[in-house]
Amino acid sequence: MSAESATPTPGTVRPGGRTARTRSAVRDAVLTGLAEHGYPGLTVEYVAEHSGVHKTTVYRRWGSVEGLVADALDLAGEDAWTPPDTGSLEGDLRALAREVTETFGSASAAAAPTAFIAAAFQSERAAEALHTFYTGRFARCESVVRRAVDRGEAPSGTNAASVVRAVSAPLFFRALITREPIDTPLADQTATAVATAVRAGAYLPDRR
């Protein structure tokens, strides 16, 4: 491999020596900027001003707005979040669904995550970062289904990936596509429906 091909594109890897405080400050500025101006209105200058990190440093370490958004999503995916463990499949699915309503149920809470999703339609790098983020999130959630299988609440062979996506998909559709309100009763109803389908074997491989 040549030296040129081994040189990373800015914003795709963590540059050496970047402190956690700097990265966090930049991430917070990106979130604020996305919430206030959306992806089209976000600039490196805005991030530099609101993070307290010099513009030259931002350009050198992140390269562009695309790099800033991608790294903010990467940082979000590095958190210690774990899926709920309520002791039952339906309880876990309800808790997961309620987290979606907490994130997208109000305009103020949904501003930044919605802007990330919008950015994915305008930037290939943002799309890749968003895909990686949600792939990781859903993968963590699959333990909810595995525990349900171990307890005998779900048939062996239940497709865990399909289940965890099914419980959030109707909520995402209403929040992001039809722009209808989502709330706790709707979250609980969705979780109950998915849990019922799981018990009926709807997510077994031959039923997909």
N, C-alpha and C. Protein backbone atom coordinates (compact mmCIF):
# COMPACT_ATOMS: atom_id res chain seq x y z
N MET A 1 0.85 -1.20 0.00
CA MET A 1 0.00 0.00 0.00
C MET A 1 0.88 1.24 0.00
N SER A 2 0.51 2.19 -0.87
CA SER A 2 1.30 3.41 -0.96
C SER A 2 0.99 4.35 0.19
N ALA A 3 1.85 5.32 0.41
CA ALA A 3 1.62 6.31 1.47
C ALA A 3 0.37 7.10 1.18
N GLU A 4 0.11 7.38 -0.11
CA GLU A 4 -1.07 8.16 -0.45
C GLU A 4 -2.34 7.41 -0.10
N SER A 5 -2.40 6.11 -0.42
CA SER A 5 -3.62 5.35 -0.16
C SER A 5 -3.82 5.09 1.31
N ALA A 6 -2.75 5.17 2.10
CA ALA A 6 -2.87 4.95 3.54
C ALA A 6 -3.25 6.20 4.30
N THR A 7 -3.26 7.35 3.62
CA THR A 7 -3.60 8.60 4.29
C THR A 7 -5.10 8.71 4.43
N PRO A 8 -5.61 8.83 5.67
CA PRO A 8 -7.06 8.86 5.86
C PRO A 8 -7.68 10.16 5.42
N THR A 9 -8.92 10.08 4.97
CA THR A 9 -9.70 11.28 4.67
C THR A 9 -10.08 11.94 5.98
N PRO A 10 -9.97 13.28 6.10
CA PRO A 10 -10.34 13.96 7.34
C PRO A 10 -11.75 13.61 7.75
N GLY A 11 -11.92 13.34 9.04
CA GLY A 11 -13.24 13.06 9.57
C GLY A 11 -13.61 11.59 9.55
N THR A 12 -12.74 10.72 8.93
CA THR A 12 -13.09 9.31 8.86
C THR A 12 -12.47 8.51 9.99
N VAL A 13 -11.41 9.01 10.61
CA VAL A 13 -10.79 8.34 11.74
C VAL A 13 -10.46 9.40 12.78
N ARG A 14 -10.15 8.96 13.98
CA ARG A 14 -9.80 9.90 15.02
C ARG A 14 -8.34 10.30 14.88
N PRO A 15 -8.05 11.56 14.63
CA PRO A 15 -6.65 11.99 14.56
C PRO A 15 -5.97 11.78 15.90
N GLY A 16 -4.67 11.46 15.85
CA GLY A 16 -3.95 11.24 17.08
C GLY A 16 -3.90 12.49 17.93
N GLY A 17 -4.06 12.31 19.22
CA GLY A 17 -3.94 13.42 20.15
C GLY A 17 -5.20 14.21 20.37
N ARG A 18 -6.27 13.88 19.70
CA ARG A 18 -7.52 14.62 19.93
C ARG A 18 -8.04 14.30 21.32
N THR A 19 -8.29 15.28 22.11
CA THR A 19 -8.78 15.04 23.46
C THR A 19 -10.27 14.80 23.45
N ALA A 20 -10.74 14.07 24.47
CA ALA A 20 -12.17 13.80 24.57
C ALA A 20 -12.96 15.09 24.74
N ARG A 21 -12.37 16.06 25.44
CA ARG A 21 -13.08 17.33 25.65
C ARG A 21 -13.28 18.07 24.34
N THR A 22 -12.25 18.10 23.51
CA THR A 22 -12.36 18.78 22.22
C THR A 22 -13.40 18.10 21.35
N ARG A 23 -13.32 16.79 21.28
CA ARG A 23 -14.26 16.05 20.43
C ARG A 23 -15.70 16.24 20.91
N SER A 24 -15.88 16.23 22.23
CA SER A 24 -17.22 16.41 22.78
C SER A 24 -17.74 17.81 22.51
N ALA A 25 -16.88 18.82 22.65
CA ALA A 25 -17.30 20.19 22.40
C ALA A 25 -17.71 20.39 20.95
N VAL A 26 -16.94 19.79 20.05
CA VAL A 26 -17.27 19.89 18.63
C VAL A 26 -18.57 19.15 18.34
N ARG A 27 -18.73 17.96 18.92
CA ARG A 27 -19.97 17.21 18.72
C ARG A 27 -21.18 18.02 19.20
N ASP A 28 -21.06 18.65 20.37
CA ASP A 28 -22.17 19.44 20.90
C ASP A 28 -22.50 20.61 19.97
N ALA A 29 -21.48 21.23 19.41
CA ALA A 29 -21.71 22.34 18.48
C ALA A 29 -22.38 21.84 17.20
N VAL A 30 -22.00 20.67 16.75
CA VAL A 30 -22.64 20.09 15.56
C VAL A 30 -24.12 19.82 15.85
N LEU A 31 -24.42 19.25 17.01
CA LEU A 31 -25.81 18.97 17.36
C LEU A 31 -26.63 20.26 17.42
N THR A 32 -26.06 21.29 18.05
CA THR A 32 -26.76 22.56 18.15
C THR A 32 -26.98 23.17 16.78
N GLY A 33 -25.95 23.13 15.95
CA GLY A 33 -26.05 23.69 14.62
C GLY A 33 -27.07 22.97 13.75
N LEU A 34 -27.10 21.65 13.85
CA LEU A 34 -28.09 20.89 13.08
C LEU A 34 -29.50 21.22 13.55
N ALA A 35 -29.66 21.33 14.86
CA ALA A 35 -30.99 21.63 15.40
C ALA A 35 -31.45 23.03 15.00
N GLU A 36 -30.53 23.98 14.96
CA GLU A 36 -30.89 25.37 14.66
C GLU A 36 -31.00 25.65 13.16
N HIS A 37 -30.11 25.04 12.36
CA HIS A 37 -30.02 25.42 10.96
C HIS A 37 -30.19 24.27 9.98
N GLY A 38 -30.24 23.03 10.49
CA GLY A 38 -30.30 21.90 9.58
C GLY A 38 -28.96 21.66 8.92
N TYR A 39 -28.86 20.56 8.18
CA TYR A 39 -27.59 20.24 7.53
C TYR A 39 -27.16 21.28 6.51
N PRO A 40 -28.06 21.81 5.67
CA PRO A 40 -27.62 22.79 4.68
C PRO A 40 -27.05 24.06 5.30
N GLY A 41 -27.51 24.41 6.51
CA GLY A 41 -27.06 25.64 7.13
C GLY A 41 -25.88 25.48 8.08
N LEU A 42 -25.43 24.25 8.28
CA LEU A 42 -24.31 24.00 9.18
C LEU A 42 -23.00 24.33 8.48
N THR A 43 -22.12 25.05 9.15
CA THR A 43 -20.83 25.40 8.58
C THR A 43 -19.71 25.09 9.56
N VAL A 44 -18.51 24.95 9.02
CA VAL A 44 -17.34 24.75 9.87
C VAL A 44 -17.14 25.97 10.76
N GLU A 45 -17.41 27.15 10.22
CA GLU A 45 -17.24 28.38 11.00
C GLU A 45 -18.18 28.39 12.21
N TYR A 46 -19.41 27.93 12.00
CA TYR A 46 -20.37 27.86 13.12
C TYR A 46 -19.85 26.91 14.20
N VAL A 47 -19.40 25.75 13.78
CA VAL A 47 -18.91 24.76 14.75
C VAL A 47 -17.71 25.30 15.50
N ALA A 48 -16.80 25.94 14.79
CA ALA A 48 -15.61 26.49 15.44
C ALA A 48 -16.01 27.54 16.48
N GLU A 49 -16.91 28.43 16.10
CA GLU A 49 -17.32 29.49 17.02
C GLU A 49 -18.01 28.94 18.26
N HIS A 50 -18.88 27.97 18.08
CA HIS A 50 -19.69 27.48 19.20
C HIS A 50 -18.99 26.39 20.02
N SER A 51 -17.93 25.83 19.49
CA SER A 51 -17.18 24.82 20.25
C SER A 51 -15.97 25.41 20.95
N GLY A 52 -15.54 26.59 20.50
CA GLY A 52 -14.33 27.17 21.05
C GLY A 52 -13.06 26.57 20.49
N VAL A 53 -13.21 25.76 19.43
CA VAL A 53 -12.06 25.14 18.77
C VAL A 53 -11.74 25.96 17.52
N HIS A 54 -10.47 26.30 17.34
CA HIS A 54 -10.08 27.17 16.23
C HIS A 54 -10.50 26.55 14.89
N LYS A 55 -10.93 27.40 13.98
CA LYS A 55 -11.41 26.93 12.67
C LYS A 55 -10.35 26.10 11.95
N THR A 56 -9.10 26.53 12.05
CA THR A 56 -8.03 25.79 11.38
C THR A 56 -7.93 24.37 11.93
N THR A 57 -8.11 24.24 13.23
CA THR A 57 -8.06 22.91 13.85
C THR A 57 -9.24 22.06 13.40
N VAL A 58 -10.40 22.67 13.31
CA VAL A 58 -11.58 21.93 12.86
C VAL A 58 -11.37 21.42 11.44
N TYR A 59 -10.88 22.29 10.56
CA TYR A 59 -10.63 21.88 9.18
C TYR A 59 -9.57 20.77 9.12
N ARG A 60 -8.52 20.91 9.93
CA ARG A 60 -7.44 19.93 9.89
C ARG A 60 -7.90 18.56 10.39
N ARG A 61 -8.72 18.56 11.45
CA ARG A 61 -9.09 17.29 12.06
C ARG A 61 -10.34 16.66 11.45
N TRP A 62 -11.29 17.48 11.02
CA TRP A 62 -12.55 16.94 10.50
C TRP A 62 -12.74 17.17 9.01
N GLY A 63 -12.04 18.15 8.45
CA GLY A 63 -12.02 18.33 7.01
C GLY A 63 -13.18 19.09 6.42
N SER A 64 -14.40 18.82 6.87
CA SER A 64 -15.57 19.40 6.24
C SER A 64 -16.77 19.19 7.15
N VAL A 65 -17.91 19.76 6.75
CA VAL A 65 -19.15 19.53 7.48
C VAL A 65 -19.51 18.05 7.46
N GLU A 66 -19.27 17.40 6.33
CA GLU A 66 -19.54 15.95 6.24
C GLU A 66 -18.74 15.19 7.30
N GLY A 67 -17.48 15.55 7.44
CA GLY A 67 -16.65 14.90 8.44
C GLY A 67 -17.12 15.15 9.85
N LEU A 68 -17.59 16.37 10.10
CA LEU A 68 -18.12 16.72 11.43
C LEU A 68 -19.36 15.91 11.76
N VAL A 69 -20.28 15.81 10.82
CA VAL A 69 -21.52 15.05 11.05
C VAL A 69 -21.21 13.57 11.24
N ALA A 70 -20.34 13.04 10.39
CA ALA A 70 -19.99 11.63 10.50
C ALA A 70 -19.34 11.32 11.84
N ASP A 71 -18.45 12.19 12.29
CA ASP A 71 -17.77 11.94 13.56
C ASP A 71 -18.72 12.09 14.74
N ALA A 72 -19.67 13.02 14.64
CA ALA A 72 -20.66 13.17 15.71
C ALA A 72 -21.49 11.89 15.86
N LEU A 73 -21.83 11.28 14.74
CA LEU A 73 -22.56 10.01 14.79
C LEU A 73 -21.68 8.89 15.30
N ASP A 74 -20.42 8.89 14.90
CA ASP A 74 -19.49 7.88 15.41
C ASP A 74 -19.38 7.98 16.93
N LEU A 75 -19.29 9.21 17.43
CA LEU A 75 -19.17 9.42 18.87
C LEU A 75 -20.43 8.96 19.59
N ALA A 76 -21.60 9.22 18.98
CA ALA A 76 -22.85 8.77 19.58
C ALA A 76 -22.90 7.25 19.69
N GLY A 77 -22.32 6.58 18.70
CA GLY A 77 -22.33 5.12 18.71
C GLY A 77 -21.34 4.51 19.68
N GLU A 78 -20.48 5.33 20.29
CA GLU A 78 -19.49 4.82 21.23
C GLU A 78 -19.97 4.88 22.68
N ASP A 79 -21.22 5.24 22.88
CA ASP A 79 -21.71 5.36 24.24
C ASP A 79 -21.90 3.99 24.89
N ALA A 80 -22.27 4.00 26.15
CA ALA A 80 -22.41 2.76 26.91
C ALA A 80 -23.86 2.31 27.01
N TRP A 81 -24.72 2.82 26.14
CA TRP A 81 -26.14 2.48 26.19
C TRP A 81 -26.36 0.98 26.05
N THR A 82 -27.25 0.46 26.87
CA THR A 82 -27.64 -0.94 26.76
C THR A 82 -29.16 -1.02 26.71
N PRO A 83 -29.70 -2.02 26.05
CA PRO A 83 -31.16 -2.13 25.95
C PRO A 83 -31.76 -2.48 27.30
N PRO A 84 -33.04 -2.19 27.48
CA PRO A 84 -33.70 -2.47 28.77
C PRO A 84 -33.78 -3.96 29.05
N ASP A 85 -33.86 -4.28 30.32
CA ASP A 85 -34.04 -5.68 30.75
C ASP A 85 -35.09 -5.68 31.86
N THR A 86 -36.35 -5.71 31.45
CA THR A 86 -37.46 -5.63 32.40
C THR A 86 -37.90 -6.99 32.93
N GLY A 87 -37.39 -8.05 32.32
CA GLY A 87 -37.78 -9.39 32.74
C GLY A 87 -38.80 -10.05 31.84
N SER A 88 -39.32 -9.31 30.85
CA SER A 88 -40.27 -9.89 29.91
C SER A 88 -40.05 -9.29 28.53
N LEU A 89 -40.42 -10.04 27.50
CA LEU A 89 -40.27 -9.55 26.14
C LEU A 89 -41.11 -8.30 25.92
N GLU A 90 -42.38 -8.35 26.30
CA GLU A 90 -43.24 -7.20 26.05
C GLU A 90 -42.77 -5.98 26.82
N GLY A 91 -42.31 -6.19 28.05
CA GLY A 91 -41.80 -5.07 28.83
C GLY A 91 -40.58 -4.44 28.18
N ASP A 92 -39.68 -5.28 27.66
CA ASP A 92 -38.49 -4.76 27.00
C ASP A 92 -38.85 -4.01 25.72
N LEU A 93 -39.77 -4.57 24.94
CA LEU A 93 -40.18 -3.91 23.70
C LEU A 93 -40.88 -2.59 23.99
N ARG A 94 -41.67 -2.55 25.05
CA ARG A 94 -42.32 -1.29 25.43
C ARG A 94 -41.28 -0.24 25.79
N ALA A 95 -40.29 -0.65 26.55
CA ALA A 95 -39.25 0.30 26.94
C ALA A 95 -38.50 0.83 25.73
N LEU A 96 -38.20 -0.05 24.77
CA LEU A 96 -37.53 0.39 23.55
C LEU A 96 -38.41 1.37 22.77
N ALA A 97 -39.68 1.03 22.63
CA ALA A 97 -40.59 1.90 21.89
C ALA A 97 -40.75 3.25 22.58
N ARG A 98 -40.77 3.24 23.89
CA ARG A 98 -40.91 4.51 24.61
C ARG A 98 -39.68 5.39 24.44
N GLU A 99 -38.51 4.77 24.28
CA GLU A 99 -37.31 5.57 24.04
C GLU A 99 -37.42 6.30 22.70
N VAL A 100 -38.02 5.64 21.71
CA VAL A 100 -38.21 6.30 20.42
C VAL A 100 -39.14 7.50 20.58
N THR A 101 -40.22 7.34 21.34
CA THR A 101 -41.15 8.45 21.52
C THR A 101 -40.49 9.59 22.30
N GLU A 102 -39.60 9.27 23.23
CA GLU A 102 -38.90 10.31 23.97
C GLU A 102 -37.97 11.10 23.06
N THR A 103 -37.38 10.41 22.08
CA THR A 103 -36.43 11.07 21.17
C THR A 103 -37.13 11.86 20.08
N PHE A 104 -38.24 11.34 19.58
CA PHE A 104 -38.90 11.97 18.43
C PHE A 104 -40.29 12.51 18.75
N GLY A 105 -40.69 12.46 20.00
CA GLY A 105 -42.05 12.84 20.35
C GLY A 105 -42.30 14.33 20.47
N SER A 106 -41.25 15.13 20.56
CA SER A 106 -41.42 16.59 20.63
C SER A 106 -40.46 17.25 19.66
N ALA A 107 -40.84 18.43 19.20
CA ALA A 107 -40.02 19.12 18.20
C ALA A 107 -38.63 19.44 18.73
N SER A 108 -38.54 19.83 19.99
CA SER A 108 -37.24 20.20 20.54
C SER A 108 -36.32 19.00 20.67
N ALA A 109 -36.87 17.87 21.15
CA ALA A 109 -36.05 16.68 21.31
C ALA A 109 -35.65 16.09 19.97
N ALA A 110 -36.54 16.20 19.00
CA ALA A 110 -36.31 15.55 17.70
C ALA A 110 -35.46 16.38 16.75
N ALA A 111 -35.20 17.64 17.08
CA ALA A 111 -34.54 18.53 16.12
C ALA A 111 -33.20 17.97 15.63
N ALA A 112 -32.31 17.63 16.54
CA ALA A 112 -30.98 17.17 16.13
C ALA A 112 -31.03 15.80 15.46
N PRO A 113 -31.69 14.78 16.06
CA PRO A 113 -31.71 13.48 15.37
C PRO A 113 -32.40 13.53 14.02
N THR A 114 -33.44 14.36 13.89
CA THR A 114 -34.10 14.50 12.59
C THR A 114 -33.16 15.14 11.58
N ALA A 115 -32.36 16.10 12.03
CA ALA A 115 -31.39 16.73 11.14
C ALA A 115 -30.32 15.75 10.68
N PHE A 116 -29.91 14.85 11.56
CA PHE A 116 -28.96 13.81 11.17
C PHE A 116 -29.54 12.96 10.05
N ILE A 117 -30.80 12.59 10.20
CA ILE A 117 -31.46 11.76 9.18
C ILE A 117 -31.57 12.53 7.88
N ALA A 118 -31.93 13.80 7.96
CA ALA A 118 -32.00 14.63 6.75
C ALA A 118 -30.63 14.74 6.09
N ALA A 119 -29.59 14.85 6.89
CA ALA A 119 -28.24 14.95 6.34
C ALA A 119 -27.87 13.71 5.55
N ALA A 120 -28.39 12.56 5.97
CA ALA A 120 -28.07 11.31 5.29
C ALA A 120 -28.61 11.28 3.87
N PHE A 121 -29.61 12.09 3.58
CA PHE A 121 -30.16 12.15 2.23
C PHE A 121 -29.38 13.13 1.35
N GLN A 122 -28.46 13.86 1.94
CA GLN A 122 -27.70 14.86 1.20
C GLN A 122 -26.21 14.58 1.18
N SER A 123 -25.76 13.65 2.00
CA SER A 123 -24.34 13.36 2.10
C SER A 123 -24.14 11.85 2.22
N GLU A 124 -23.34 11.30 1.32
CA GLU A 124 -23.07 9.87 1.36
C GLU A 124 -22.35 9.48 2.64
N ARG A 125 -21.42 10.32 3.08
CA ARG A 125 -20.69 10.01 4.31
C ARG A 125 -21.61 10.05 5.52
N ALA A 126 -22.54 11.00 5.54
CA ALA A 126 -23.50 11.05 6.64
C ALA A 126 -24.41 9.83 6.59
N ALA A 127 -24.78 9.40 5.39
CA ALA A 127 -25.62 8.21 5.25
C ALA A 127 -24.91 6.97 5.78
N GLU A 128 -23.64 6.85 5.46
CA GLU A 128 -22.87 5.70 5.94
C GLU A 128 -22.75 5.72 7.46
N ALA A 129 -22.50 6.91 8.01
CA ALA A 129 -22.36 7.03 9.46
C ALA A 129 -23.68 6.73 10.16
N LEU A 130 -24.79 7.20 9.59
CA LEU A 130 -26.10 6.94 10.18
C LEU A 130 -26.42 5.45 10.11
N HIS A 131 -26.10 4.83 8.99
CA HIS A 131 -26.31 3.39 8.85
C HIS A 131 -25.52 2.62 9.91
N THR A 132 -24.26 3.00 10.08
CA THR A 132 -23.42 2.34 11.08
C THR A 132 -23.98 2.53 12.48
N PHE A 133 -24.44 3.75 12.77
CA PHE A 133 -24.99 4.03 14.09
C PHE A 133 -26.19 3.14 14.39
N TYR A 134 -27.16 3.12 13.47
CA TYR A 134 -28.37 2.35 13.74
C TYR A 134 -28.13 0.85 13.66
N THR A 135 -27.21 0.42 12.82
CA THR A 135 -26.86 -1.00 12.79
C THR A 135 -26.33 -1.43 14.15
N GLY A 136 -25.48 -0.59 14.74
CA GLY A 136 -24.95 -0.91 16.06
C GLY A 136 -26.01 -0.89 17.13
N ARG A 137 -26.91 0.10 17.06
CA ARG A 137 -27.98 0.20 18.05
C ARG A 137 -28.89 -1.03 18.00
N PHE A 138 -29.31 -1.39 16.78
CA PHE A 138 -30.20 -2.53 16.64
C PHE A 138 -29.50 -3.82 17.06
N ALA A 139 -28.21 -3.93 16.77
CA ALA A 139 -27.48 -5.13 17.18
C ALA A 139 -27.48 -5.28 18.70
N ARG A 140 -27.32 -4.17 19.42
CA ARG A 140 -27.37 -4.24 20.88
C ARG A 140 -28.75 -4.70 21.34
N CYS A 141 -29.78 -4.24 20.64
CA CYS A 141 -31.16 -4.55 21.05
C CYS A 141 -31.53 -6.02 20.84
N GLU A 142 -30.77 -6.72 20.01
CA GLU A 142 -31.12 -8.10 19.73
C GLU A 142 -31.05 -9.00 20.96
N SER A 143 -30.32 -8.55 21.98
CA SER A 143 -30.27 -9.34 23.22
C SER A 143 -31.64 -9.44 23.87
N VAL A 144 -32.50 -8.49 23.63
CA VAL A 144 -33.87 -8.52 24.15
C VAL A 144 -34.58 -9.77 23.65
N VAL A 145 -34.42 -10.06 22.38
CA VAL A 145 -35.07 -11.22 21.79
C VAL A 145 -34.39 -12.51 22.23
N ARG A 146 -33.08 -12.51 22.30
CA ARG A 146 -32.37 -13.71 22.74
C ARG A 146 -32.78 -14.11 24.16
N ARG A 147 -32.93 -13.11 25.03
CA ARG A 147 -33.38 -13.42 26.39
C ARG A 147 -34.80 -13.98 26.37
N ALA A 148 -35.64 -13.45 25.50
CA ALA A 148 -37.01 -13.94 25.40
C ALA A 148 -37.04 -15.39 24.95
N VAL A 149 -36.17 -15.75 24.02
CA VAL A 149 -36.07 -17.14 23.58
C VAL A 149 -35.63 -18.03 24.74
N ASP A 150 -34.64 -17.58 25.49
CA ASP A 150 -34.15 -18.36 26.64
C ASP A 150 -35.24 -18.56 27.70
N ARG A 151 -36.14 -17.56 27.85
CA ARG A 151 -37.21 -17.67 28.83
C ARG A 151 -38.41 -18.45 28.31
N GLY A 152 -38.38 -18.79 27.04
CA GLY A 152 -39.51 -19.49 26.45
C GLY A 152 -40.63 -18.57 25.99
N GLU A 153 -40.36 -17.28 25.91
CA GLU A 153 -41.38 -16.33 25.47
C GLU A 153 -41.43 -16.18 23.95
N ALA A 154 -40.40 -16.63 23.29
CA ALA A 154 -40.31 -16.52 21.83
C ALA A 154 -39.81 -17.84 21.28
N PRO A 155 -40.29 -18.23 20.11
CA PRO A 155 -39.83 -19.49 19.51
C PRO A 155 -38.35 -19.44 19.18
N SER A 156 -37.68 -20.57 19.33
CA SER A 156 -36.28 -20.66 18.94
C SER A 156 -36.17 -20.38 17.45
N GLY A 157 -35.20 -19.59 17.08
CA GLY A 157 -35.02 -19.24 15.67
C GLY A 157 -35.66 -17.91 15.30
N THR A 158 -36.32 -17.26 16.25
CA THR A 158 -36.92 -15.95 15.98
C THR A 158 -35.85 -14.97 15.48
N ASN A 159 -36.17 -14.27 14.43
CA ASN A 159 -35.22 -13.32 13.84
C ASN A 159 -35.17 -12.07 14.70
N ALA A 160 -34.14 -11.96 15.52
CA ALA A 160 -34.04 -10.85 16.47
C ALA A 160 -33.94 -9.51 15.76
N ALA A 161 -33.18 -9.47 14.67
CA ALA A 161 -33.00 -8.20 13.96
C ALA A 161 -34.33 -7.67 13.43
N SER A 162 -35.16 -8.56 12.93
CA SER A 162 -36.46 -8.13 12.41
C SER A 162 -37.37 -7.64 13.52
N VAL A 163 -37.31 -8.29 14.67
CA VAL A 163 -38.18 -7.91 15.78
C VAL A 163 -37.85 -6.50 16.28
N VAL A 164 -36.59 -6.23 16.50
CA VAL A 164 -36.24 -4.92 17.07
C VAL A 164 -36.50 -3.79 16.07
N ARG A 165 -36.43 -4.10 14.79
CA ARG A 165 -36.78 -3.08 13.80
C ARG A 165 -38.29 -2.89 13.73
N ALA A 166 -39.03 -3.97 13.89
CA ALA A 166 -40.49 -3.89 13.79
C ALA A 166 -41.09 -3.03 14.90
N VAL A 167 -40.47 -3.03 16.07
CA VAL A 167 -41.07 -2.27 17.17
C VAL A 167 -40.84 -0.77 17.03
N SER A 168 -39.83 -0.38 16.29
CA SER A 168 -39.57 1.05 16.11
C SER A 168 -40.08 1.58 14.77
N ALA A 169 -40.22 0.71 13.79
CA ALA A 169 -40.57 1.17 12.44
C ALA A 169 -41.86 1.98 12.37
N PRO A 170 -42.98 1.54 12.98
CA PRO A 170 -44.19 2.36 12.89
C PRO A 170 -44.04 3.73 13.53
N LEU A 171 -43.24 3.80 14.58
CA LEU A 171 -43.02 5.08 15.26
C LEU A 171 -42.18 6.01 14.40
N PHE A 172 -41.13 5.46 13.78
CA PHE A 172 -40.32 6.25 12.87
C PHE A 172 -41.15 6.75 11.69
N PHE A 173 -42.02 5.90 11.19
CA PHE A 173 -42.85 6.27 10.04
C PHE A 173 -43.73 7.47 10.39
N ARG A 174 -44.38 7.41 11.52
CA ARG A 174 -45.26 8.51 11.92
C ARG A 174 -44.46 9.78 12.22
N ALA A 175 -43.34 9.62 12.91
CA ALA A 175 -42.57 10.80 13.31
C ALA A 175 -41.87 11.48 12.13
N LEU A 176 -41.39 10.68 11.16
CA LEU A 176 -40.52 11.21 10.13
C LEU A 176 -41.16 11.30 8.74
N ILE A 177 -42.16 10.48 8.48
CA ILE A 177 -42.76 10.46 7.15
C ILE A 177 -44.10 11.19 7.13
N THR A 178 -45.04 10.73 7.93
CA THR A 178 -46.37 11.36 7.93
C THR A 178 -46.46 12.53 8.89
N ARG A 179 -45.43 12.69 9.72
CA ARG A 179 -45.35 13.78 10.69
C ARG A 179 -46.57 13.80 11.61
N GLU A 180 -46.97 12.63 12.06
CA GLU A 180 -48.05 12.50 13.04
C GLU A 180 -47.44 12.39 14.43
N PRO A 181 -48.18 12.75 15.46
CA PRO A 181 -47.63 12.65 16.82
C PRO A 181 -47.44 11.21 17.26
N ILE A 182 -46.45 10.99 18.08
CA ILE A 182 -46.24 9.69 18.71
C ILE A 182 -46.18 9.91 20.22
N ASP A 183 -46.70 8.95 20.96
CA ASP A 183 -46.74 9.10 22.41
C ASP A 183 -46.63 7.74 23.08
N THR A 184 -46.67 7.73 24.40
CA THR A 184 -46.49 6.49 25.16
C THR A 184 -47.56 5.45 24.85
N PRO A 185 -48.86 5.81 24.81
CA PRO A 185 -49.87 4.79 24.46
C PRO A 185 -49.61 4.14 23.10
N LEU A 186 -49.18 4.92 22.13
CA LEU A 186 -48.87 4.36 20.82
C LEU A 186 -47.66 3.44 20.91
N ALA A 187 -46.66 3.84 21.67
CA ALA A 187 -45.47 3.01 21.85
C ALA A 187 -45.86 1.67 22.48
N ASP A 188 -46.69 1.71 23.50
CA ASP A 188 -47.11 0.48 24.17
C ASP A 188 -47.93 -0.41 23.24
N GLN A 189 -48.81 0.21 22.45
CA GLN A 189 -49.62 -0.55 21.51
C GLN A 189 -48.74 -1.24 20.47
N THR A 190 -47.76 -0.53 19.97
CA THR A 190 -46.84 -1.10 18.99
C THR A 190 -46.07 -2.28 19.58
N ALA A 191 -45.58 -2.10 20.81
CA ALA A 191 -44.83 -3.17 21.46
C ALA A 191 -45.70 -4.40 21.68
N THR A 192 -46.94 -4.20 22.09
CA THR A 192 -47.85 -5.33 22.32
C THR A 192 -48.10 -6.09 21.02
N ALA A 193 -48.29 -5.35 19.95
CA ALA A 193 -48.54 -5.99 18.65
C ALA A 193 -47.34 -6.83 18.21
N VAL A 194 -46.14 -6.28 18.38
CA VAL A 194 -44.94 -7.02 17.97
C VAL A 194 -44.73 -8.24 18.87
N ALA A 195 -44.92 -8.08 20.16
CA ALA A 195 -44.76 -9.21 21.08
C ALA A 195 -45.74 -10.33 20.74
N THR A 196 -46.97 -9.96 20.41
CA THR A 196 -47.98 -10.96 20.03
C THR A 196 -47.55 -11.69 18.77
N ALA A 197 -47.03 -10.94 17.80
CA ALA A 197 -46.56 -11.56 16.56
C ALA A 197 -45.37 -12.47 16.80
N VAL A 198 -44.49 -12.07 17.70
CA VAL A 198 -43.34 -12.91 18.03
C VAL A 198 -43.81 -14.24 18.60
N ARG A 199 -44.72 -14.19 19.55
CA ARG A 199 -45.21 -15.43 20.17
C ARG A 199 -45.90 -16.34 19.16
N ALA A 200 -46.50 -15.74 18.13
CA ALA A 200 -47.19 -16.52 17.10
C ALA A 200 -46.23 -17.07 16.04
N GLY A 201 -44.97 -16.75 16.17
CA GLY A 201 -43.97 -17.26 15.23
C GLY A 201 -43.84 -16.45 13.96
N ALA A 202 -44.34 -15.22 13.97
CA ALA A 202 -44.31 -14.39 12.75
C ALA A 202 -42.90 -14.02 12.31
N TYR A 203 -41.93 -14.11 13.22
CA TYR A 203 -40.57 -13.70 12.87
C TYR A 203 -39.62 -14.89 12.76
N LEU A 204 -40.18 -16.07 12.55
CA LEU A 204 -39.34 -17.22 12.25
C LEU A 204 -38.87 -17.13 10.80
N PRO A 205 -37.73 -17.70 10.47
CA PRO A 205 -37.17 -17.53 9.13
C PRO A 205 -38.10 -17.88 8.00
N ASP A 206 -38.92 -18.93 8.15
CA ASP A 206 -39.78 -19.34 7.04
C ASP A 206 -41.04 -18.52 6.94
N ARG A 207 -41.18 -17.51 7.84
CA ARG A 207 -42.36 -16.66 7.81
C ARG A 207 -42.06 -15.26 7.28
N ARG A 208 -40.77 -15.02 6.94
CA ARG A 208 -40.41 -13.69 6.49
C ARG A 208 -40.87 -13.46 5.07
